[in-house]
Amino acid sequence: MRIQDVKIALVGPLPPPSGGMANQTRQLAELLKQEGINVALVPVNAPYRPRCVGRIKGLRAIFRLLPYLFQLWRTAGRVDLFHVMANSGWSWHLFAAPAVWAAKLRGKAVIVNYRGGEADDFFTRAFAWVQPTLRRANVIVVPSGFLENVFAKREFTTRIVPNIVDLSRFIPNYSRKRNILAPHIVVARNLEPLYDNTTALKAFRIVRESIPDAHMTIAGSGPERQYLEEMANEFGLADAVIFAGQVDNVRMPMLYHEADIALNPSLADNMPISILEALASGVPVISTNVGGIPFLVEDGKTALLVPPRDPQRMAAAILRVLRDESLRESMVQTGLDHARRFAWECVRGELFLAYEMALDRVTLAVTPDEK
């Protein structure tokens, strides 16, 4: 069977809100459709109906889960393969696991596309619950060597299918001369404890002691916004830090277009699309060296990596990039070269091979009488 003849159910979150997995789900759906593939989208975060239910904790989970389960079962009856975008925690239990079981109960091929940077901790706590579902997957794909190792420790074989970057959207601004006297630093992570924007602000305060006209944009939404705004005021940075809120896909390329450095302060991560987008935009990246990030970029070449929760080291890395033109230009060029590996043209072959393997394994599992 040609891949173009396969009917695929793509299960995952969709914007809004924007986020790494939601954006990847939507982008993948569009790319598969452009290949002539019949794609049925099954969003795990469909709007509440009625909308007022979304304000009632507990009840809202039921109002979302029951229609989701019904849609899974109905969709499984008319597709050949389920592609399940999976993450850690309750997202796995409530959304990914039911999708795998619905597909298997209806005899369909299943790919689990596991993506969470906190997978190791999650598996340590809950693998007895996760393992039975994983064993029903025909193929497990992960976007990085980091997660490949996490699964290998538990004797599960995976295939690497990287995240995808639309290079046509992120075009380097070669005409813009970087202003090291008033650099623009961009952080594109949500305002949640996991992404440690606190350390980014502390590092920025140190940078401002050397470069008073430096300014920062934090693009993201989340429960820590008020806390971070108060911290910026306390540090005397209120006039230098813009909290841009959630920046949608259309506006992100322009934000990187005006950036001199992209900062990623996260405490746990897998393969953040924000880093890939910055590289594709020709923006030098400074990131914590957690999780899958050392598998994604090489310290001193495609990015500078620093320990988490270390504002002094982060600030020193920022100043080093700003002051060393040779290093900066080298990082820009190697980053651009590296980003090309994540274009659809480079990734599609690995993804389609995973689809073919999953379909073949379902066929082999059918007994001669059933055939």
Protein backbone atom coordinates (compact mmCIF):
# COMPACT_ATOMS: atom_id res chain seq x y z
CA MET A 1 0.00 0.00 0.00
CA ARG A 2 1.32 3.44 -0.92
CA ILE A 3 1.56 5.92 1.97
CA GLN A 4 -0.65 8.26 -0.04
CA ASP A 5 -3.39 5.60 0.09
CA VAL A 6 -3.21 5.26 3.88
CA LYS A 7 -5.85 6.93 6.02
CA ILE A 8 -4.21 8.37 9.12
CA ALA A 9 -5.72 9.57 12.41
CA LEU A 10 -3.46 12.22 13.93
CA VAL A 11 -4.16 12.50 17.67
CA GLY A 12 -2.74 15.44 19.60
CA PRO A 13 -3.25 18.98 20.88
CA LEU A 14 -3.97 21.87 18.53
CA PRO A 15 -3.53 25.62 19.05
CA PRO A 16 -4.79 27.59 20.82
CA PRO A 17 -2.91 27.83 22.99
CA SER A 18 0.26 27.62 20.92
CA GLY A 19 2.95 25.32 22.20
CA GLY A 20 5.62 22.98 20.90
CA MET A 21 3.49 19.85 20.55
CA ALA A 22 0.35 21.70 19.46
CA ASN A 23 2.24 23.54 16.72
CA GLN A 24 3.94 20.32 15.60
CA THR A 25 0.58 18.53 15.42
CA ARG A 26 -0.99 21.22 13.27
CA GLN A 27 2.08 21.54 11.05
CA LEU A 28 2.32 17.77 10.53
CA ALA A 29 -1.35 17.58 9.58
CA GLU A 30 -0.84 20.26 6.94
CA LEU A 31 2.30 18.61 5.55
CA LEU A 32 0.68 15.18 5.32
CA LYS A 33 -2.32 16.66 3.50
CA GLN A 34 0.07 18.37 1.05
CA GLU A 35 1.46 14.89 0.34
CA GLY A 36 -2.03 13.78 -0.68
CA ILE A 37 -2.63 11.75 2.49
CA ASN A 38 -6.10 11.51 4.02
CA VAL A 39 -5.69 12.84 7.59
CA ALA A 40 -8.36 12.78 10.29
CA LEU A 41 -7.45 15.15 13.14
CA VAL A 42 -8.50 14.11 16.64
CA PRO A 43 -7.69 17.02 18.99
CA VAL A 44 -7.17 16.21 22.65
CA ASN A 45 -8.03 19.79 23.63
CA ALA A 46 -11.25 20.42 21.72
CA PRO A 47 -13.29 23.40 22.99
CA TYR A 48 -15.68 22.74 25.85
CA ARG A 49 -19.35 22.51 24.92
CA PRO A 50 -21.05 24.39 26.42
CA ARG A 51 -18.17 26.84 26.93
CA CYS A 52 -19.20 27.67 30.50
CA VAL A 53 -18.20 24.12 31.54
CA GLY A 54 -14.56 25.11 31.07
CA ARG A 55 -14.72 27.12 34.28
CA ILE A 56 -15.80 24.18 36.45
CA LYS A 57 -12.94 21.96 37.61
CA GLY A 58 -13.67 18.24 37.57
CA LEU A 59 -16.78 18.60 35.47
CA ARG A 60 -14.83 20.09 32.57
CA ALA A 61 -12.58 17.00 32.44
CA ILE A 62 -15.62 14.77 31.96
CA PHE A 63 -17.11 17.07 29.32
CA ARG A 64 -13.87 16.92 27.34
CA LEU A 65 -12.98 13.27 27.90
CA LEU A 66 -16.26 11.62 26.95
CA PRO A 67 -16.60 13.28 23.51
CA TYR A 68 -12.90 12.59 22.93
CA LEU A 69 -13.32 8.87 23.62
CA PHE A 70 -16.34 8.73 21.32
CA GLN A 71 -14.41 10.47 18.54
CA LEU A 72 -11.46 8.08 18.98
CA TRP A 73 -13.68 5.03 18.62
CA ARG A 74 -15.54 6.38 15.63
CA THR A 75 -12.34 7.52 13.88
CA ALA A 76 -10.65 4.16 14.49
CA GLY A 77 -13.37 2.55 12.38
CA ARG A 78 -12.46 4.48 9.25
CA VAL A 79 -8.65 4.87 9.25
CA ASP A 80 -5.71 2.51 8.76
CA LEU A 81 -3.22 3.98 11.23
CA PHE A 82 -3.18 6.08 14.40
CA HIS A 83 -0.33 8.57 14.90
CA VAL A 84 -0.53 9.50 18.60
CA MET A 85 1.34 12.58 19.84
CA ALA A 86 2.18 11.61 23.42
CA ASN A 87 3.53 13.42 26.47
CA SER A 88 4.16 12.64 30.13
CA GLY A 89 1.90 12.83 33.17
CA TRP A 90 -1.88 13.05 33.01
CA SER A 91 -1.68 13.85 29.31
CA TRP A 92 -0.48 10.28 28.78
CA HIS A 93 -3.13 8.65 30.94
CA LEU A 94 -6.10 10.70 29.73
CA PHE A 95 -5.34 11.15 26.04
CA ALA A 96 -2.48 9.06 24.61
CA ALA A 97 -3.27 5.74 26.30
CA PRO A 98 -6.98 5.73 25.30
CA ALA A 99 -5.99 6.47 21.70
CA VAL A 100 -3.63 3.49 21.60
CA TRP A 101 -6.23 1.14 23.08
CA ALA A 102 -9.02 2.37 20.80
CA ALA A 103 -6.87 1.71 17.75
CA LYS A 104 -5.73 -1.73 18.90
CA LEU A 105 -9.24 -2.85 19.86
CA ARG A 106 -10.27 -2.05 16.30
CA GLY A 107 -7.25 -3.77 14.77
CA LYS A 108 -5.48 -0.66 13.48
CA ALA A 109 -1.77 0.17 13.33
CA VAL A 110 -0.48 2.55 16.01
CA ILE A 111 2.55 4.81 16.19
CA VAL A 112 3.26 6.43 19.55
CA ASN A 113 5.17 9.68 18.95
CA TYR A 114 6.53 10.33 22.46
CA ARG A 115 7.84 13.82 23.13
CA GLY A 116 8.03 14.83 26.82
CA GLY A 117 11.30 16.12 28.28
CA GLU A 118 10.22 14.80 31.69
CA ALA A 119 9.81 11.23 30.42
CA ASP A 120 12.51 9.69 32.63
CA ASP A 121 10.96 10.99 35.85
CA PHE A 122 7.47 10.07 34.67
CA PHE A 123 8.50 6.54 33.76
CA THR A 124 10.28 6.11 37.10
CA ARG A 125 7.04 6.94 38.89
CA ALA A 126 4.45 5.33 36.64
CA PHE A 127 6.01 2.81 34.25
CA ALA A 128 3.91 -0.05 35.59
CA TRP A 129 0.89 1.84 34.21
CA VAL A 130 2.57 3.04 31.03
CA GLN A 131 4.26 -0.19 29.92
CA PRO A 132 1.14 -2.22 28.98
CA THR A 133 0.00 0.53 26.61
CA LEU A 134 3.45 1.01 25.08
CA ARG A 135 3.56 -2.70 24.28
CA ARG A 136 0.45 -2.25 22.11
CA ALA A 137 2.21 0.29 19.90
CA ASN A 138 3.51 -1.10 16.61
CA VAL A 139 6.24 1.54 16.45
CA ILE A 140 7.46 4.12 18.98
CA VAL A 141 9.06 7.22 17.52
CA VAL A 142 10.87 9.94 19.46
CA PRO A 143 12.39 13.21 18.25
CA SER A 144 15.81 12.85 19.89
CA GLY A 145 18.58 10.56 21.06
CA PHE A 146 17.80 11.67 24.59
CA LEU A 147 14.39 10.00 24.56
CA GLU A 148 15.77 7.06 22.63
CA ASN A 149 18.04 6.42 25.64
CA VAL A 150 15.18 6.87 28.11
CA PHE A 151 13.20 4.13 26.35
CA ALA A 152 16.25 1.91 25.84
CA LYS A 153 16.84 1.84 29.61
CA ARG A 154 13.44 0.16 29.83
CA GLU A 155 14.14 -2.20 26.92
CA PHE A 156 11.93 -0.46 24.39
CA THR A 157 13.27 0.14 20.87
CA THR A 158 12.42 3.46 19.28
CA ARG A 159 13.03 5.23 15.99
CA ILE A 160 14.15 8.86 15.82
CA VAL A 161 11.93 11.15 13.75
CA PRO A 162 13.00 14.75 14.50
CA ASN A 163 10.76 17.74 15.00
CA ILE A 164 10.02 19.66 11.82
CA VAL A 165 10.86 23.29 11.11
CA ASP A 166 9.30 25.17 8.22
CA LEU A 167 12.42 26.92 6.96
CA SER A 168 10.38 29.06 4.57
CA ARG A 169 8.96 30.90 7.59
CA PHE A 170 12.22 31.60 9.42
CA ILE A 171 14.52 33.60 7.16
CA PRO A 172 17.72 35.16 8.59
CA ASN A 173 17.85 38.94 8.57
CA TYR A 174 21.22 39.35 6.89
CA SER A 175 20.67 43.07 6.37
CA ARG A 176 20.32 43.76 10.09
CA LYS A 177 23.56 44.70 11.86
CA ARG A 178 23.58 43.33 15.39
CA ASN A 179 23.75 46.15 17.92
CA ILE A 180 25.94 44.86 20.73
CA LEU A 181 25.42 48.15 22.60
CA ALA A 182 21.65 47.60 22.77
CA PRO A 183 21.09 43.88 22.14
CA HIS A 184 17.64 42.33 22.02
CA ILE A 185 17.40 39.06 23.95
CA VAL A 186 14.40 36.81 23.33
CA VAL A 187 12.98 34.06 25.56
CA ALA A 188 10.21 32.04 23.91
CA ARG A 189 9.04 29.69 26.66
CA ASN A 190 5.80 29.64 28.63
CA LEU A 191 5.68 31.29 32.04
CA GLU A 192 5.76 28.11 34.09
CA PRO A 193 8.24 26.88 36.74
CA LEU A 194 9.58 24.21 34.36
CA TYR A 195 10.95 26.87 32.01
CA ASP A 196 12.65 28.90 34.77
CA ASN A 197 12.19 32.39 33.41
CA THR A 198 13.31 33.52 36.86
CA THR A 199 16.90 32.59 36.02
CA ALA A 200 16.60 34.36 32.66
CA LEU A 201 15.62 37.58 34.45
CA LYS A 202 18.44 37.23 36.97
CA ALA A 203 20.94 36.68 34.15
CA PHE A 204 19.54 39.66 32.26
CA ARG A 205 20.00 41.87 35.33
CA ILE A 206 23.71 40.92 35.34
CA VAL A 207 23.99 41.66 31.60
CA ARG A 208 22.44 45.09 32.12
CA GLU A 209 25.23 45.98 34.53
CA SER A 210 27.63 45.76 31.58
CA ILE A 211 25.26 46.77 28.78
CA PRO A 212 22.69 49.22 30.21
CA ASP A 213 20.73 49.48 26.94
CA ALA A 214 20.12 45.74 26.58
CA HIS A 215 16.46 44.78 26.39
CA MET A 216 14.51 41.53 26.58
CA THR A 217 11.25 40.11 25.25
CA ILE A 218 9.65 37.15 27.02
CA ALA A 219 7.15 35.53 24.67
CA GLY A 220 4.85 33.14 26.47
CA SER A 221 1.87 32.88 28.78
CA GLY A 222 1.33 31.06 32.03
CA PRO A 223 0.68 31.24 35.76
CA GLU A 224 3.99 32.94 36.64
CA ARG A 225 3.40 36.13 34.69
CA GLN A 226 2.49 38.35 37.65
CA TYR A 227 5.36 36.94 39.71
CA LEU A 228 7.84 37.57 36.90
CA GLU A 229 6.55 41.08 36.26
CA GLU A 230 6.97 41.88 39.95
CA MET A 231 10.49 40.46 39.85
CA ALA A 232 11.35 42.64 36.83
CA ASN A 233 10.09 45.69 38.73
CA GLU A 234 12.08 44.71 41.81
CA PHE A 235 15.23 44.36 39.68
CA GLY A 236 14.65 47.76 38.07
CA LEU A 237 14.06 46.14 34.69
CA ALA A 238 10.45 47.17 34.07
CA ASP A 239 11.44 49.49 31.20
CA ALA A 240 13.74 46.89 29.65
CA VAL A 241 11.61 43.71 29.68
CA ILE A 242 8.52 43.22 27.52
CA PHE A 243 6.12 40.45 28.48
CA ALA A 244 4.63 39.82 25.05
CA GLY A 245 2.22 37.08 26.08
CA GLN A 246 1.56 34.15 23.78
CA VAL A 247 3.00 34.96 20.34
CA ASP A 248 1.31 33.00 17.57
CA ASN A 249 3.04 31.22 14.69
CA VAL A 250 2.49 34.11 12.31
CA ARG A 251 4.35 36.60 14.51
CA MET A 252 7.19 34.40 15.81
CA PRO A 253 9.41 34.79 12.71
CA MET A 254 9.31 38.57 13.09
CA LEU A 255 10.28 38.34 16.76
CA TYR A 256 13.35 36.27 15.87
CA HIS A 257 14.02 38.64 12.96
CA GLU A 258 14.68 41.41 15.52
CA ALA A 259 16.58 39.26 18.06
CA ASP A 260 20.30 39.23 18.78
CA ILE A 261 20.26 36.25 21.15
CA ALA A 262 17.72 33.51 21.91
CA LEU A 263 17.73 32.27 25.50
CA ASN A 264 16.35 28.95 26.72
CA PRO A 265 16.47 28.64 30.54
CA SER A 266 14.38 25.46 30.96
CA LEU A 267 14.95 22.92 33.74
CA ALA A 268 13.84 19.90 31.69
CA ASP A 269 13.46 19.61 27.94
CA ASN A 270 13.54 17.26 25.01
CA MET A 271 13.83 18.95 21.62
CA PRO A 272 12.39 22.47 21.97
CA ILE A 273 11.10 23.80 18.70
CA SER A 274 11.93 27.33 19.91
CA ILE A 275 15.65 26.50 19.67
CA LEU A 276 15.27 25.13 16.15
CA GLU A 277 13.31 28.21 15.06
CA ALA A 278 15.99 30.50 16.47
CA LEU A 279 18.74 28.57 14.66
CA ALA A 280 16.75 28.71 11.42
CA SER A 281 16.44 32.48 11.91
CA GLY A 282 20.19 32.97 12.24
CA VAL A 283 19.98 33.86 15.93
CA PRO A 284 22.70 32.63 18.34
CA VAL A 285 21.27 30.34 21.02
CA ILE A 286 22.19 30.05 24.70
CA SER A 287 20.47 27.24 26.55
CA THR A 288 20.63 25.14 29.67
CA ASN A 289 22.26 21.76 29.11
CA VAL A 290 19.32 19.69 30.35
CA GLY A 291 17.54 16.63 28.95
CA GLY A 292 17.70 16.32 25.20
CA ILE A 293 19.27 19.71 24.48
CA PRO A 294 22.88 18.39 24.33
CA PHE A 295 21.57 15.87 21.76
CA LEU A 296 20.06 18.72 19.74
CA VAL A 297 22.92 21.26 19.70
CA GLU A 298 26.67 21.12 20.22
CA ASP A 299 28.17 23.36 22.88
CA GLY A 300 30.45 26.01 21.41
CA LYS A 301 29.35 25.33 17.85
CA THR A 302 25.59 25.45 17.29
CA ALA A 303 24.87 26.95 20.75
CA LEU A 304 26.39 27.75 24.12
CA LEU A 305 25.19 25.49 26.92
CA VAL A 306 25.14 26.39 30.60
CA PRO A 307 23.99 24.61 33.78
CA PRO A 308 20.37 25.16 34.88
CA ARG A 309 19.58 27.67 37.63
CA ASP A 310 22.92 29.44 37.13
CA PRO A 311 22.29 33.08 36.20
CA GLN A 312 25.98 33.98 36.46
CA ARG A 313 27.02 31.39 33.87
CA MET A 314 24.06 32.31 31.67
CA ALA A 315 24.94 36.01 31.80
CA ALA A 316 28.60 35.23 31.05
CA ALA A 317 27.55 33.23 27.98
CA ILE A 318 25.35 36.09 26.75
CA LEU A 319 28.20 38.60 27.14
CA ARG A 320 30.64 36.23 25.46
CA VAL A 321 28.47 35.92 22.36
CA LEU A 322 27.87 39.66 22.20
CA ARG A 323 31.55 40.56 22.57
CA ASP A 324 33.10 37.89 20.35
CA GLU A 325 32.09 38.63 16.77
CA SER A 326 33.96 35.66 15.36
CA LEU A 327 32.19 33.25 17.72
CA ARG A 328 28.84 34.89 17.03
CA GLU A 329 29.12 34.63 13.27
CA SER A 330 30.36 31.05 13.49
CA MET A 331 27.38 30.08 15.68
CA VAL A 332 24.99 31.75 13.25
CA GLN A 333 26.34 29.83 10.24
CA THR A 334 26.61 26.44 11.94
CA GLY A 335 23.14 26.98 13.40
CA LEU A 336 21.68 27.65 9.97
CA ASP A 337 23.36 24.54 8.56
CA HIS A 338 22.10 22.45 11.48
CA ALA A 339 18.52 23.72 11.14
CA ARG A 340 18.32 22.41 7.57
CA ARG A 341 18.38 18.86 8.95
CA PHE A 342 14.90 19.46 10.37
CA ALA A 343 13.21 20.53 7.16
CA TRP A 344 10.26 18.39 6.00
CA GLU A 345 12.26 17.17 3.02
CA CYS A 346 14.79 15.60 5.43
CA VAL A 347 12.28 14.22 7.95
CA ARG A 348 9.50 12.86 5.74
CA GLY A 349 11.42 9.74 4.68
CA GLU A 350 12.00 8.63 8.28
CA LEU A 351 8.37 9.28 9.20
CA PHE A 352 6.99 7.41 6.19
CA LEU A 353 9.29 4.48 6.94
CA ALA A 354 7.86 4.35 10.47
CA TYR A 355 4.34 4.34 9.01
CA GLU A 356 5.23 1.46 6.69
CA MET A 357 6.76 -0.53 9.55
CA ALA A 358 3.66 -0.08 11.71
CA LEU A 359 1.35 -1.17 8.90
CA ASP A 360 3.53 -4.17 8.07
CA ARG A 361 3.51 -5.33 11.69
CA VAL A 362 -0.28 -5.25 11.80
CA THR A 363 -0.41 -7.32 8.60
CA LEU A 364 2.06 -9.85 10.01
CA ALA A 365 0.01 -10.13 13.19
CA VAL A 366 -3.06 -11.27 11.25
CA THR A 367 -3.45 -15.05 11.16
CA PRO A 368 -3.82 -16.89 7.83
CA ASP A 369 -7.51 -17.63 8.61
CA GLU A 370 -8.17 -13.95 9.31
CA LYS A 371 -6.63 -13.05 5.99
